[in-house]
Every structure is written in structure tokens, then in C-alpha cells.
Amino acid sequence: MRNQKPKFFFYVEAGKVKLVSRLDKVIATFNPGDSFGEMALFTDRVRSATAKSVGNTSLHVVGADFIKDYFKKEDILVKFSLICVLERLRAMNSMRSLIN
């Protein structure tokens, strides 16, 4: 849900999930093999959209603690690069929402 603190990210095993803006516009659609929700985990910000399943959907849930423990082992340059890319993506998504 939008404005919630992230605790998980999700991998779509089966079905479909739509990401919906605060204005109830569909921002993205995720199909089997796609993942979503990871940006909020890595940047430690509240969620910017709400995910809604379309029909029967099966998700794998990956916890924030698992991700944080996994990335503790990574080189600082890898972590920095990932955060920079995600922050730029967040900025682009924000600009896109102003246009649409």
C-alpha cells in the first residue's frame, strides 16, 4: 500500500499485478517473472504506489531483513551504485507522474 514503510518486495510467480497511483491510474503491470517493491526497500522510503492483484495471483515474498543481510556483504561501491540508480529511477517516476 502507498505510504507504508517497506517490509518486503515481491516476485510474481503466476497471475498479474497492477501498480496504481494515488489518483488510481495504472502506473505499471507486472507479469510472471517480474518483481516489484524493491526500490522502497533499498532506499528506505515509504511506498509510492499501491499494488493490486488482477485475478488469481501467486507471489513470492522477500523480506527486508533478508535483503539487508544479503547486501551487508557487498562492496560499498556496489551498494552506492545501486542506491544511485534507484534514486534516479524514483526521480524519473515522479516526473512522469506530473506529466500523466
PDB file of N, CA and C in Angstrom:
ATOM      1  N   MET A   1       0.827  -1.187   0.000  1.00  0.00           N
ATOM      2  CA  MET A   1       0.000   0.000   0.000  1.00  0.00           C
ATOM      3  C   MET A   1       0.875   1.256   0.000  1.00  0.00           C
ATOM      4  N   ARG A   2       0.405   2.258  -0.709  1.00  0.00           N
ATOM      5  CA  ARG A   2       1.097   3.544  -0.772  1.00  0.00           C
ATOM      6  C   ARG A   2       1.239   4.118   0.630  1.00  0.00           C
ATOM      7  N   ASN A   3       2.348   4.792   0.874  1.00  0.00           N
ATOM      8  CA  ASN A   3       2.690   5.463   2.130  1.00  0.00           C
ATOM      9  C   ASN A   3       3.025   4.523   3.278  1.00  0.00           C
ATOM     10  N   GLN A   4       3.163   3.237   3.008  1.00  0.00           N
ATOM     11  CA  GLN A   4       3.577   2.304   4.049  1.00  0.00           C
ATOM     12  C   GLN A   4       5.075   2.083   4.000  1.00  0.00           C
ATOM     13  N   LYS A   5       5.640   1.830   5.160  1.00  0.00           N
ATOM     14  CA  LYS A   5       7.056   1.505   5.269  1.00  0.00           C
ATOM     15  C   LYS A   5       7.274   0.122   4.653  1.00  0.00           C
ATOM     16  N   PRO A   6       8.296  -0.048   3.838  1.00  0.00           N
ATOM     17  CA  PRO A   6       8.504  -1.341   3.173  1.00  0.00           C
ATOM     18  C   PRO A   6       9.012  -2.417   4.133  1.00  0.00           C
ATOM     19  N   LYS A   7       8.436  -3.598   4.013  1.00  0.00           N
ATOM     20  CA  LYS A   7       8.894  -4.762   4.776  1.00  0.00           C
ATOM     21  C   LYS A   7       9.257  -5.920   3.854  1.00  0.00           C
ATOM     22  N   PHE A   8       8.809  -5.830   2.586  1.00  0.00           N
ATOM     23  CA  PHE A   8       9.005  -6.911   1.626  1.00  0.00           C
ATOM     24  C   PHE A   8       9.161  -6.342   0.216  1.00  0.00           C
ATOM     25  N   PHE A   9       9.676  -7.189  -0.680  1.00  0.00           N
ATOM     26  CA  PHE A   9       9.463  -6.955  -2.092  1.00  0.00           C
ATOM     27  C   PHE A   9       8.907  -8.244  -2.660  1.00  0.00           C
ATOM     28  N   PHE A  10       8.371  -8.194  -3.852  1.00  0.00           N
ATOM     29  CA  PHE A  10       7.554  -9.281  -4.350  1.00  0.00           C
ATOM     30  C   PHE A  10       7.999  -9.735  -5.736  1.00  0.00           C
ATOM     31  N   TYR A  11       7.896 -11.042  -5.951  1.00  0.00           N
ATOM     32  CA  TYR A  11       8.200 -11.666  -7.238  1.00  0.00           C
ATOM     33  C   TYR A  11       6.910 -12.342  -7.708  1.00  0.00           C
ATOM     34  N   VAL A  12       6.477 -12.029  -8.923  1.00  0.00           N
ATOM     35  CA  VAL A  12       5.239 -12.592  -9.453  1.00  0.00           C
ATOM     36  C   VAL A  12       5.525 -13.980 -10.023  1.00  0.00           C
ATOM     37  N   GLU A  13       4.942 -14.982  -9.371  1.00  0.00           N
ATOM     38  CA  GLU A  13       5.092 -16.357  -9.843  1.00  0.00           C
ATOM     39  C   GLU A  13       4.023 -16.675 -10.894  1.00  0.00           C
ATOM     40  N   ALA A  14       2.790 -16.259 -10.627  1.00  0.00           N
ATOM     41  CA  ALA A  14       1.684 -16.502 -11.556  1.00  0.00           C
ATOM     42  C   ALA A  14       0.675 -15.370 -11.421  1.00  0.00           C
ATOM     43  N   GLY A  15      -0.047 -15.098 -12.497  1.00  0.00           N
ATOM     44  CA  GLY A  15      -1.057 -14.055 -12.459  1.00  0.00           C
ATOM     45  C   GLY A  15      -0.510 -12.710 -12.891  1.00  0.00           C
ATOM     46  N   LYS A  16      -1.133 -11.653 -12.364  1.00  0.00           N
ATOM     47  CA  LYS A  16      -0.774 -10.301 -12.781  1.00  0.00           C
ATOM     48  C   LYS A  16      -1.024  -9.339 -11.621  1.00  0.00           C
ATOM     49  N   VAL A  17      -0.174  -8.315 -11.522  1.00  0.00           N
ATOM     50  CA  VAL A  17      -0.317  -7.277 -10.504  1.00  0.00           C
ATOM     51  C   VAL A  17      -0.223  -5.925 -11.184  1.00  0.00           C
ATOM     52  N   LYS A  18      -1.136  -5.031 -10.822  1.00  0.00           N
ATOM     53  CA  LYS A  18      -1.088  -3.663 -11.339  1.00  0.00           C
ATOM     54  C   LYS A  18      -0.636  -2.733 -10.227  1.00  0.00           C
ATOM     55  N   LEU A  19       0.240  -1.809 -10.570  1.00  0.00           N
ATOM     56  CA  LEU A  19       0.698  -0.780  -9.652  1.00  0.00           C
ATOM     57  C   LEU A  19      -0.144   0.459  -9.921  1.00  0.00           C
ATOM     58  N   VAL A  20      -0.786   0.992  -8.880  1.00  0.00           N
ATOM     59  CA  VAL A  20      -1.754   2.063  -9.039  1.00  0.00           C
ATOM     60  C   VAL A  20      -1.301   3.300  -8.268  1.00  0.00           C
ATOM     61  N   SER A  21      -1.399   4.468  -8.924  1.00  0.00           N
ATOM     62  CA  SER A  21      -1.001   5.740  -8.312  1.00  0.00           C
ATOM     63  C   SER A  21      -2.051   6.220  -7.321  1.00  0.00           C
ATOM     64  N   ARG A  22      -1.749   7.309  -6.644  1.00  0.00           N
ATOM     65  CA  ARG A  22      -2.695   7.889  -5.682  1.00  0.00           C
ATOM     66  C   ARG A  22      -3.959   8.393  -6.371  1.00  0.00           C
ATOM     67  N   LEU A  23      -3.864   8.650  -7.674  1.00  0.00           N
ATOM     68  CA  LEU A  23      -5.028   9.087  -8.455  1.00  0.00           C
ATOM     69  C   LEU A  23      -5.741   7.905  -9.117  1.00  0.00           C
ATOM     70  N   ASP A  24      -5.380   6.690  -8.689  1.00  0.00           N
ATOM     71  CA  ASP A  24      -5.949   5.447  -9.184  1.00  0.00           C
ATOM     72  C   ASP A  24      -5.651   5.201 -10.663  1.00  0.00           C
ATOM     73  N   LYS A  25      -4.513   5.728 -11.142  1.00  0.00           N
ATOM     74  CA  LYS A  25      -4.046   5.459 -12.505  1.00  0.00           C
ATOM     75  C   LYS A  25      -3.098   4.262 -12.462  1.00  0.00           C
ATOM     76  N   VAL A  26      -3.182   3.400 -13.468  1.00  0.00           N
ATOM     77  CA  VAL A  26      -2.273   2.258 -13.552  1.00  0.00           C
ATOM     78  C   VAL A  26      -0.909   2.760 -14.018  1.00  0.00           C
ATOM     79  N   ILE A  27       0.082   2.556 -13.167  1.00  0.00           N
ATOM     80  CA  ILE A  27       1.449   3.001 -13.462  1.00  0.00           C
ATOM     81  C   ILE A  27       2.215   1.916 -14.205  1.00  0.00           C
ATOM     82  N   ALA A  28       2.000   0.661 -13.770  1.00  0.00           N
ATOM     83  CA  ALA A  28       2.729  -0.467 -14.355  1.00  0.00           C
ATOM     84  C   ALA A  28       1.923  -1.740 -14.147  1.00  0.00           C
ATOM     85  N   THR A  29       2.213  -2.723 -14.983  1.00  0.00           N
ATOM     86  CA  THR A  29       1.613  -4.044 -14.839  1.00  0.00           C
ATOM     87  C   THR A  29       2.749  -5.063 -14.776  1.00  0.00           C
ATOM     88  N   PHE A  30       2.678  -5.948 -13.788  1.00  0.00           N
ATOM     89  CA  PHE A  30       3.718  -6.956 -13.590  1.00  0.00           C
ATOM     90  C   PHE A  30       3.147  -8.339 -13.881  1.00  0.00           C
ATOM     91  N   ASN A  31       3.891  -9.118 -14.635  1.00  0.00           N
ATOM     92  CA  ASN A  31       3.511 -10.461 -15.060  1.00  0.00           C
ATOM     93  C   ASN A  31       4.464 -11.483 -14.454  1.00  0.00           C
ATOM     94  N   PRO A  32       4.192 -12.779 -14.632  1.00  0.00           N
ATOM     95  CA  PRO A  32       5.107 -13.790 -14.092  1.00  0.00           C
ATOM     96  C   PRO A  32       6.563 -13.526 -14.508  1.00  0.00           C
ATOM     97  N   GLY A  33       7.451 -13.593 -13.523  1.00  0.00           N
ATOM     98  CA  GLY A  33       8.873 -13.326 -13.752  1.00  0.00           C
ATOM     99  C   GLY A  33       9.286 -11.915 -13.380  1.00  0.00           C
ATOM    100  N   ASP A  34       8.313 -11.033 -13.178  1.00  0.00           N
ATOM    101  CA  ASP A  34       8.606  -9.653 -12.782  1.00  0.00           C
ATOM    102  C   ASP A  34       8.660  -9.539 -11.264  1.00  0.00           C
ATOM    103  N   SER A  35       9.338  -8.510 -10.797  1.00  0.00           N
ATOM    104  CA  SER A  35       9.351  -8.212  -9.362  1.00  0.00           C
ATOM    105  C   SER A  35       8.984  -6.744  -9.176  1.00  0.00           C
ATOM    106  N   PHE A  36       8.522  -6.421  -7.966  1.00  0.00           N
ATOM    107  CA  PHE A  36       8.185  -5.037  -7.652  1.00  0.00           C
ATOM    108  C   PHE A  36       8.326  -4.815  -6.155  1.00  0.00           C
ATOM    109  N   GLY A  37       8.478  -3.554  -5.785  1.00  0.00           N
ATOM    110  CA  GLY A  37       8.578  -3.189  -4.376  1.00  0.00           C
ATOM    111  C   GLY A  37       9.992  -3.117  -3.837  1.00  0.00           C
ATOM    112  N   GLU A  38      10.964  -3.434  -4.657  1.00  0.00           N
ATOM    113  CA  GLU A  38      12.347  -3.450  -4.173  1.00  0.00           C
ATOM    114  C   GLU A  38      12.917  -2.059  -3.973  1.00  0.00           C
ATOM    115  N   MET A  39      12.461  -1.086  -4.748  1.00  0.00           N
ATOM    116  CA  MET A  39      13.022   0.261  -4.652  1.00  0.00           C
ATOM    117  C   MET A  39      12.844   0.838  -3.248  1.00  0.00           C
ATOM    118  N   ALA A  40      11.673   0.685  -2.682  1.00  0.00           N
ATOM    119  CA  ALA A  40      11.416   1.210  -1.337  1.00  0.00           C
ATOM    120  C   ALA A  40      12.303   0.529  -0.300  1.00  0.00           C
ATOM    121  N   LEU A  41      12.577  -0.761  -0.487  1.00  0.00           N
ATOM    122  CA  LEU A  41      13.446  -1.474   0.458  1.00  0.00           C
ATOM    123  C   LEU A  41      14.862  -0.916   0.459  1.00  0.00           C
ATOM    124  N   PHE A  42      15.395  -0.711  -0.742  1.00  0.00           N
ATOM    125  CA  PHE A  42      16.781  -0.270  -0.847  1.00  0.00           C
ATOM    126  C   PHE A  42      16.972   1.192  -0.477  1.00  0.00           C
ATOM    127  N   THR A  43      15.967   2.007  -0.733  1.00  0.00           N
ATOM    128  CA  THR A  43      16.107   3.436  -0.450  1.00  0.00           C
ATOM    129  C   THR A  43      15.525   3.810   0.914  1.00  0.00           C
ATOM    130  N   ASP A  44      14.866   2.845   1.569  1.00  0.00           N
ATOM    131  CA  ASP A  44      14.298   3.026   2.905  1.00  0.00           C
ATOM    132  C   ASP A  44      13.301   4.187   2.948  1.00  0.00           C
ATOM    133  N   ARG A  45      12.440   4.254   1.945  1.00  0.00           N
ATOM    134  CA  ARG A  45      11.388   5.266   1.871  1.00  0.00           C
ATOM    135  C   ARG A  45      10.037   4.572   1.872  1.00  0.00           C
ATOM    136  N   VAL A  46       8.991   5.325   2.140  1.00  0.00           N
ATOM    137  CA  VAL A  46       7.647   4.745   2.097  1.00  0.00           C
ATOM    138  C   VAL A  46       7.281   4.421   0.656  1.00  0.00           C
ATOM    139  N   ARG A  47       6.359   3.514   0.502  1.00  0.00           N
ATOM    140  CA  ARG A  47       5.926   3.106  -0.825  1.00  0.00           C
ATOM    141  C   ARG A  47       5.191   4.246  -1.529  1.00  0.00           C
ATOM    142  N   SER A  48       5.406   4.370  -2.830  1.00  0.00           N
ATOM    143  CA  SER A  48       4.822   5.476  -3.590  1.00  0.00           C
ATOM    144  C   SER A  48       3.565   5.077  -4.347  1.00  0.00           C
ATOM    145  N   ALA A  49       3.220   3.794  -4.358  1.00  0.00           N
ATOM    146  CA  ALA A  49       2.045   3.319  -5.087  1.00  0.00           C
ATOM    147  C   ALA A  49       1.452   2.111  -4.370  1.00  0.00           C
ATOM    148  N   THR A  50       0.264   1.715  -4.805  1.00  0.00           N
ATOM    149  CA  THR A  50      -0.407   0.543  -4.258  1.00  0.00           C
ATOM    150  C   THR A  50      -0.418  -0.552  -5.314  1.00  0.00           C
ATOM    151  N   ALA A  51      -0.141  -1.785  -4.903  1.00  0.00           N
ATOM    152  CA  ALA A  51      -0.180  -2.932  -5.808  1.00  0.00           C
ATOM    153  C   ALA A  51      -1.514  -3.658  -5.632  1.00  0.00           C
ATOM    154  N   LYS A  52      -2.130  -4.002  -6.765  1.00  0.00           N
ATOM    155  CA  LYS A  52      -3.407  -4.720  -6.748  1.00  0.00           C
ATOM    156  C   LYS A  52      -3.309  -5.933  -7.662  1.00  0.00           C
ATOM    157  N   SER A  53      -3.681  -7.094  -7.147  1.00  0.00           N
ATOM    158  CA  SER A  53      -3.651  -8.288  -7.989  1.00  0.00           C
ATOM    159  C   SER A  53      -4.817  -8.259  -8.969  1.00  0.00           C
ATOM    160  N   VAL A  54      -4.593  -8.878 -10.112  1.00  0.00           N
ATOM    161  CA  VAL A  54      -5.625  -9.000 -11.133  1.00  0.00           C
ATOM    162  C   VAL A  54      -5.944 -10.489 -11.227  1.00  0.00           C
ATOM    163  N   GLY A  55      -7.091 -10.884 -10.718  1.00  0.00           N
ATOM    164  CA  GLY A  55      -7.449 -12.298 -10.717  1.00  0.00           C
ATOM    165  C   GLY A  55      -6.596 -13.078  -9.735  1.00  0.00           C
ATOM    166  N   ASN A  56      -6.494 -14.383  -9.979  1.00  0.00           N
ATOM    167  CA  ASN A  56      -5.678 -15.241  -9.118  1.00  0.00           C
ATOM    168  C   ASN A  56      -4.208 -14.948  -9.370  1.00  0.00           C
ATOM    169  N   THR A  57      -3.510 -14.598  -8.316  1.00  0.00           N
ATOM    170  CA  THR A  57      -2.099 -14.233  -8.431  1.00  0.00           C
ATOM    171  C   THR A  57      -1.308 -14.920  -7.335  1.00  0.00           C
ATOM    172  N   SER A  58      -0.125 -15.402  -7.671  1.00  0.00           N
ATOM    173  CA  SER A  58       0.765 -16.033  -6.703  1.00  0.00           C
ATOM    174  C   SER A  58       2.075 -15.250  -6.666  1.00  0.00           C
ATOM    175  N   LEU A  59       2.457 -14.826  -5.461  1.00  0.00           N
ATOM    176  CA  LEU A  59       3.673 -14.026  -5.278  1.00  0.00           C
ATOM    177  C   LEU A  59       4.649 -14.726  -4.348  1.00  0.00           C
ATOM    178  N   HIS A  60       5.929 -14.519  -4.584  1.00  0.00           N
ATOM    179  CA  HIS A  60       6.963 -14.870  -3.614  1.00  0.00           C
ATOM    180  C   HIS A  60       7.281 -13.587  -2.866  1.00  0.00           C
ATOM    181  N   VAL A  61       7.342 -13.672  -1.555  1.00  0.00           N
ATOM    182  CA  VAL A  61       7.608 -12.503  -0.723  1.00  0.00           C
ATOM    183  C   VAL A  61       9.044 -12.594  -0.217  1.00  0.00           C
ATOM    184  N   VAL A  62       9.816 -11.523  -0.418  1.00  0.00           N
ATOM    185  CA  VAL A  62      11.205 -11.461   0.040  1.00  0.00           C
ATOM    186  C   VAL A  62      11.283 -10.379   1.108  1.00  0.00           C
ATOM    187  N   GLY A  63      11.704 -10.760   2.307  1.00  0.00           N
ATOM    188  CA  GLY A  63      11.730  -9.852   3.440  1.00  0.00           C
ATOM    189  C   GLY A  63      12.868  -8.845   3.417  1.00  0.00           C
ATOM    190  N   ALA A  64      12.613  -7.703   4.034  1.00  0.00           N
ATOM    191  CA  ALA A  64      13.613  -6.635   4.121  1.00  0.00           C
ATOM    192  C   ALA A  64      14.856  -7.100   4.872  1.00  0.00           C
ATOM    193  N   ASP A  65      14.684  -7.868   5.933  1.00  0.00           N
ATOM    194  CA  ASP A  65      15.836  -8.342   6.711  1.00  0.00           C
ATOM    195  C   ASP A  65      16.752  -9.223   5.873  1.00  0.00           C
ATOM    196  N   PHE A  66      16.161 -10.085   5.047  1.00  0.00           N
ATOM    197  CA  PHE A  66      16.958 -10.940   4.162  1.00  0.00           C
ATOM    198  C   PHE A  66      17.795 -10.088   3.210  1.00  0.00           C
ATOM    199  N   ILE A  67      17.157  -9.082   2.595  1.00  0.00           N
ATOM    200  CA  ILE A  67      17.855  -8.211   1.639  1.00  0.00           C
ATOM    201  C   ILE A  67      18.969  -7.434   2.333  1.00  0.00           C
ATOM    202  N   LYS A  68      18.669  -6.871   3.500  1.00  0.00           N
ATOM    203  CA  LYS A  68      19.684  -6.088   4.219  1.00  0.00           C
ATOM    204  C   LYS A  68      20.863  -6.954   4.632  1.00  0.00           C
ATOM    205  N   ASP A  69      20.593  -8.171   5.114  1.00  0.00           N
ATOM    206  CA  ASP A  69      21.679  -9.088   5.485  1.00  0.00           C
ATOM    207  C   ASP A  69      22.496  -9.491   4.260  1.00  0.00           C
ATOM    208  N   TYR A  70      21.816  -9.738   3.145  1.00  0.00           N
ATOM    209  CA  TYR A  70      22.492 -10.134   1.925  1.00  0.00           C
ATOM    210  C   TYR A  70      23.426  -9.027   1.435  1.00  0.00           C
ATOM    211  N   PHE A  71      22.956  -7.787   1.447  1.00  0.00           N
ATOM    212  CA  PHE A  71      23.747  -6.679   0.912  1.00  0.00           C
ATOM    213  C   PHE A  71      24.784  -6.141   1.892  1.00  0.00           C
ATOM    214  N   LYS A  72      24.737  -6.547   3.139  1.00  0.00           N
ATOM    215  CA  LYS A  72      25.800  -6.171   4.082  1.00  0.00           C
ATOM    216  C   LYS A  72      27.146  -6.696   3.600  1.00  0.00           C
ATOM    217  N   LYS A  73      27.117  -7.825   2.893  1.00  0.00           N
ATOM    218  CA  LYS A  73      28.333  -8.483   2.422  1.00  0.00           C
ATOM    219  C   LYS A  73      28.897  -7.845   1.151  1.00  0.00           C
ATOM    220  N   GLU A  74      28.093  -7.011   0.489  1.00  0.00           N
ATOM    221  CA  GLU A  74      28.520  -6.413  -0.774  1.00  0.00           C
ATOM    222  C   GLU A  74      29.497  -5.261  -0.551  1.00  0.00           C
ATOM    223  N   ASP A  75      30.295  -5.034  -1.559  1.00  0.00           N
ATOM    224  CA  ASP A  75      31.238  -3.926  -1.564  1.00  0.00           C
ATOM    225  C   ASP A  75      30.474  -2.599  -1.502  1.00  0.00           C
ATOM    226  N   ILE A  76      31.027  -1.627  -0.832  1.00  0.00           N
ATOM    227  CA  ILE A  76      30.378  -0.324  -0.661  1.00  0.00           C
ATOM    228  C   ILE A  76      30.078   0.339  -2.010  1.00  0.00           C
ATOM    229  N   LEU A  77      30.938   0.141  -3.013  1.00  0.00           N
ATOM    230  CA  LEU A  77      30.720   0.722  -4.334  1.00  0.00           C
ATOM    231  C   LEU A  77      29.483   0.116  -5.006  1.00  0.00           C
ATOM    232  N   VAL A  78      29.272  -1.178  -4.821  1.00  0.00           N
ATOM    233  CA  VAL A  78      28.083  -1.836  -5.380  1.00  0.00           C
ATOM    234  C   VAL A  78      26.829  -1.271  -4.722  1.00  0.00           C
ATOM    235  N   LYS A  79      26.844  -1.132  -3.400  1.00  0.00           N
ATOM    236  CA  LYS A  79      25.687  -0.588  -2.684  1.00  0.00           C
ATOM    237  C   LYS A  79      25.415   0.854  -3.105  1.00  0.00           C
ATOM    238  N   PHE A  80      26.459   1.657  -3.187  1.00  0.00           N
ATOM    239  CA  PHE A  80      26.313   3.057  -3.586  1.00  0.00           C
ATOM    240  C   PHE A  80      25.725   3.165  -4.988  1.00  0.00           C
ATOM    241  N   SER A  81      26.238   2.364  -5.916  1.00  0.00           N
ATOM    242  CA  SER A  81      25.761   2.388  -7.299  1.00  0.00           C
ATOM    243  C   SER A  81      24.289   2.006  -7.377  1.00  0.00           C
ATOM    244  N   LEU A  82      23.902   0.987  -6.651  1.00  0.00           N
ATOM    245  CA  LEU A  82      22.512   0.546  -6.653  1.00  0.00           C
ATOM    246  C   LEU A  82      21.587   1.635  -6.117  1.00  0.00           C
ATOM    247  N   ILE A  83      21.963   2.255  -5.026  1.00  0.00           N
ATOM    248  CA  ILE A  83      21.138   3.323  -4.443  1.00  0.00           C
ATOM    249  C   ILE A  83      21.037   4.505  -5.410  1.00  0.00           C
ATOM    250  N   CYS A  84      22.129   4.867  -6.072  1.00  0.00           N
ATOM    251  CA  CYS A  84      22.100   5.973  -7.040  1.00  0.00           C
ATOM    252  C   CYS A  84      21.144   5.676  -8.191  1.00  0.00           C
ATOM    253  N   VAL A  85      21.208   4.481  -8.739  1.00  0.00           N
ATOM    254  CA  VAL A  85      20.333   4.109  -9.841  1.00  0.00           C
ATOM    255  C   VAL A  85      18.872   4.131  -9.389  1.00  0.00           C
ATOM    256  N   LEU A  86      18.592   3.602  -8.214  1.00  0.00           N
ATOM    257  CA  LEU A  86      17.216   3.577  -7.718  1.00  0.00           C
ATOM    258  C   LEU A  86      16.688   4.982  -7.427  1.00  0.00           C
ATOM    259  N   GLU A  87      17.530   5.850  -6.906  1.00  0.00           N
ATOM    260  CA  GLU A  87      17.096   7.231  -6.649  1.00  0.00           C
ATOM    261  C   GLU A  87      16.802   7.966  -7.955  1.00  0.00           C
ATOM    262  N   ARG A  88      17.610   7.721  -8.983  1.00  0.00           N
ATOM    263  CA  ARG A  88      17.344   8.338 -10.291  1.00  0.00           C
ATOM    264  C   ARG A  88      16.047   7.809 -10.882  1.00  0.00           C
ATOM    265  N   LEU A  89      15.815   6.525 -10.723  1.00  0.00           N
ATOM    266  CA  LEU A  89      14.570   5.938 -11.212  1.00  0.00           C
ATOM    267  C   LEU A  89      13.371   6.523 -10.466  1.00  0.00           C
ATOM    268  N   ARG A  90      13.510   6.703  -9.164  1.00  0.00           N
ATOM    269  CA  ARG A  90      12.430   7.309  -8.382  1.00  0.00           C
ATOM    270  C   ARG A  90      12.152   8.733  -8.882  1.00  0.00           C
ATOM    271  N   ALA A  91      13.195   9.510  -9.152  1.00  0.00           N
ATOM    272  CA  ALA A  91      13.023  10.878  -9.652  1.00  0.00           C
ATOM    273  C   ALA A  91      12.338  10.877 -11.022  1.00  0.00           C
ATOM    274  N   MET A  92      12.727   9.965 -11.895  1.00  0.00           N
ATOM    275  CA  MET A  92      12.096   9.875 -13.210  1.00  0.00           C
ATOM    276  C   MET A  92      10.627   9.487 -13.080  1.00  0.00           C
ATOM    277  N   ASN A  93      10.319   8.560 -12.191  1.00  0.00           N
ATOM    278  CA  ASN A  93       8.930   8.161 -11.972  1.00  0.00           C
ATOM    279  C   ASN A  93       8.101   9.327 -11.441  1.00  0.00           C
ATOM    280  N   SER A  94       8.697  10.133 -10.574  1.00  0.00           N
ATOM    281  CA  SER A  94       7.989  11.299 -10.031  1.00  0.00           C
ATOM    282  C   SER A  94       7.701  12.318 -11.128  1.00  0.00           C
ATOM    283  N   MET A  95       8.670  12.548 -12.003  1.00  0.00           N
ATOM    284  CA  MET A  95       8.457  13.478 -13.105  1.00  0.00           C
ATOM    285  C   MET A  95       7.393  12.960 -14.069  1.00  0.00           C
ATOM    286  N   ARG A  96       7.419  11.664 -14.304  1.00  0.00           N
ATOM    287  CA  ARG A  96       6.432  11.054 -15.207  1.00  0.00           C
ATOM    288  C   ARG A  96       5.014  11.223 -14.644  1.00  0.00           C
ATOM    289  N   SER A  97       4.873  11.098 -13.336  1.00  0.00           N
ATOM    290  CA  SER A  97       3.535  11.237 -12.732  1.00  0.00           C
ATOM    291  C   SER A  97       3.023  12.667 -12.834  1.00  0.00           C
ATOM    292  N   LEU A  98       3.920  13.650 -12.956  1.00  0.00           N
ATOM    293  CA  LEU A  98       3.492  15.038 -13.137  1.00  0.00           C
ATOM    294  C   LEU A  98       2.944  15.286 -14.536  1.00  0.00           C
ATOM    295  N   ILE A  99       3.466  14.553 -15.491  1.00  0.00           N
ATOM    296  CA  ILE A  99       3.076  14.711 -16.889  1.00  0.00           C
ATOM    297  C   ILE A  99       1.764  13.983 -17.181  1.00  0.00           C
ATOM    298  N   ASN A 100       1.615  12.788 -16.628  1.00  0.00           N
ATOM    299  CA  ASN A 100       0.412  11.963 -16.923  1.00  0.00           C
ATOM    300  C   ASN A 100      -0.758  12.338 -16.070  1.00  0.00           C
TER     301      ASN A 100
END
